[in-house]
Amino acid sequence: MWKLGHSIDAIGKIMDLTRNTVAGVCSRAGLRRVDKRTVNVGRLKEEGKMKEEKPPKEGGVEIEDLKDHHCRWIVGKGELDLATYCGKTKLKWSSYCLEHYERAHVSHARGGG
């Protein structure tokens, strides 16, 4: 069932076991899921293209100009020697834009960075 892609919850329901029991057995057996972040890179790129807005001013966005939708990747220091942030539109589930999400997560999961 694991190799067919069933979730731990689904396996537990089928086998009448708790989720934790199934998770423990899978862990001891060395079964690992492929990191979904590496599998969905194509979807991430499409979403990133759709949400892209005009780039922020050169040098990033300073803390007083930071909005909820801005990427929180630190790119340098501003005039008051405080951090400046990327400022591109972030992904729905992340604090980062597509580029910085991939740098922080996906490339490491692939062993490339």
Protein backbone atom coordinates (compact mmCIF):
# COMPACT_ATOMS: atom_id res chain seq x y z
CA MET A 1 0.00 0.00 0.00
CA TRP A 2 2.90 2.34 0.77
CA LYS A 3 4.42 1.83 -2.68
CA LEU A 4 1.05 2.55 -4.27
CA GLY A 5 1.08 5.96 -2.61
CA HIS A 6 -1.54 5.43 0.09
CA SER A 7 -1.28 7.81 3.03
CA ILE A 8 -0.46 6.66 6.54
CA ASP A 9 -4.04 7.49 7.55
CA ALA A 10 -5.50 5.41 4.72
CA ILE A 11 -3.26 2.42 5.52
CA GLY A 12 -4.26 2.65 9.18
CA LYS A 13 -7.96 2.65 8.34
CA ILE A 14 -7.62 -0.29 5.97
CA MET A 15 -5.60 -2.32 8.49
CA ASP A 16 -7.56 -1.13 11.53
CA LEU A 17 -4.44 0.40 13.10
CA THR A 18 -3.74 3.84 14.48
CA ARG A 19 -1.90 6.38 12.38
CA ASN A 20 1.01 6.36 14.85
CA THR A 21 1.33 2.58 14.63
CA VAL A 22 1.58 2.70 10.85
CA ALA A 23 4.01 5.62 10.99
CA GLY A 24 6.23 3.72 13.44
CA VAL A 25 6.27 0.58 11.31
CA CYS A 26 7.08 2.59 8.17
CA SER A 27 9.85 4.46 9.97
CA ARG A 28 11.45 1.29 11.34
CA ALA A 29 11.21 -0.31 7.90
CA GLY A 30 13.10 2.65 6.43
CA LEU A 31 10.24 3.68 4.14
CA ARG A 32 10.42 7.32 3.09
CA ARG A 33 8.20 9.41 0.89
CA VAL A 34 9.70 11.51 -1.86
CA ASP A 35 9.70 15.11 -0.69
CA LYS A 36 6.62 16.68 -2.31
CA ARG A 37 8.54 19.92 -2.74
CA THR A 38 10.83 18.21 -5.26
CA VAL A 39 7.94 16.57 -7.10
CA ASN A 40 5.89 19.74 -7.55
CA VAL A 41 8.56 22.08 -8.91
CA GLY A 42 6.67 22.42 -12.21
CA ARG A 43 3.49 23.41 -10.40
CA LEU A 44 5.44 25.86 -8.25
CA LYS A 45 6.92 27.50 -11.33
CA GLU A 46 3.51 27.90 -12.92
CA GLU A 47 2.06 29.41 -9.75
CA GLY A 48 5.05 31.72 -9.41
CA LYS A 49 4.58 32.98 -12.99
CA MET A 50 0.91 33.66 -12.43
CA LYS A 51 1.43 35.68 -9.26
CA GLU A 52 4.48 37.68 -10.33
CA GLU A 53 4.18 41.42 -9.98
CA LYS A 54 6.51 44.22 -10.93
CA PRO A 55 9.85 43.78 -9.19
CA PRO A 56 10.47 45.83 -6.05
CA LYS A 57 12.86 48.75 -6.13
CA GLU A 58 16.57 47.99 -6.50
CA GLY A 59 18.06 46.71 -3.25
CA GLY A 60 14.86 45.21 -1.83
CA VAL A 61 12.09 46.32 0.49
CA GLU A 62 12.85 47.84 3.87
CA ILE A 63 10.93 46.78 6.97
CA GLU A 64 8.65 49.82 7.02
CA ASP A 65 7.52 49.10 3.42
CA LEU A 66 7.12 45.32 3.86
CA LYS A 67 3.60 44.03 3.05
CA ASP A 68 1.95 40.68 3.76
CA HIS A 69 2.49 39.45 0.19
CA HIS A 70 6.22 40.28 0.06
CA CYS A 71 8.94 37.63 0.07
CA ARG A 72 10.84 37.62 3.39
CA TRP A 73 14.24 36.56 1.97
CA ILE A 74 16.87 38.94 3.34
CA VAL A 75 18.87 40.49 0.51
CA GLY A 76 21.00 43.08 2.30
CA LYS A 77 20.99 46.11 4.56
CA GLY A 78 19.14 49.36 4.07
CA GLU A 79 19.88 52.95 4.92
CA LEU A 80 19.43 52.46 8.67
CA ASP A 81 21.61 49.32 8.64
CA LEU A 82 18.48 47.16 9.01
CA ALA A 83 17.66 44.11 6.88
CA THR A 84 16.05 44.58 3.49
CA TYR A 85 13.85 41.88 1.99
CA CYS A 86 13.40 40.52 -1.53
CA GLY A 87 9.88 41.94 -1.85
CA LYS A 88 8.62 39.80 -4.76
CA THR A 89 5.24 38.14 -4.36
CA LYS A 90 5.54 35.17 -2.01
CA LEU A 91 3.95 31.75 -2.53
CA LYS A 92 0.68 31.02 -0.69
CA TRP A 93 2.19 28.56 1.81
CA SER A 94 5.65 30.06 2.19
CA SER A 95 7.36 33.20 3.38
CA TYR A 96 9.38 33.22 0.16
CA CYS A 97 8.88 33.84 -3.56
CA LEU A 98 9.40 30.92 -5.94
CA GLU A 99 13.12 31.63 -6.47
CA HIS A 100 13.92 31.82 -2.76
CA TYR A 101 11.63 28.92 -1.86
CA GLU A 102 13.60 26.74 -4.28
CA ARG A 103 16.91 28.00 -2.89
CA ALA A 104 15.83 27.32 0.69
CA HIS A 105 14.10 23.97 0.22
CA VAL A 106 14.07 22.22 -3.12
CA SER A 107 17.75 22.37 -4.04
CA HIS A 108 18.70 21.03 -0.61
CA ALA A 109 16.19 18.19 -0.89
CA ARG A 110 17.84 17.18 -4.17
CA GLY A 111 21.28 17.41 -2.63
CA GLY A 112 22.31 20.25 -4.89
CA GLY A 113 22.94 23.21 -2.72
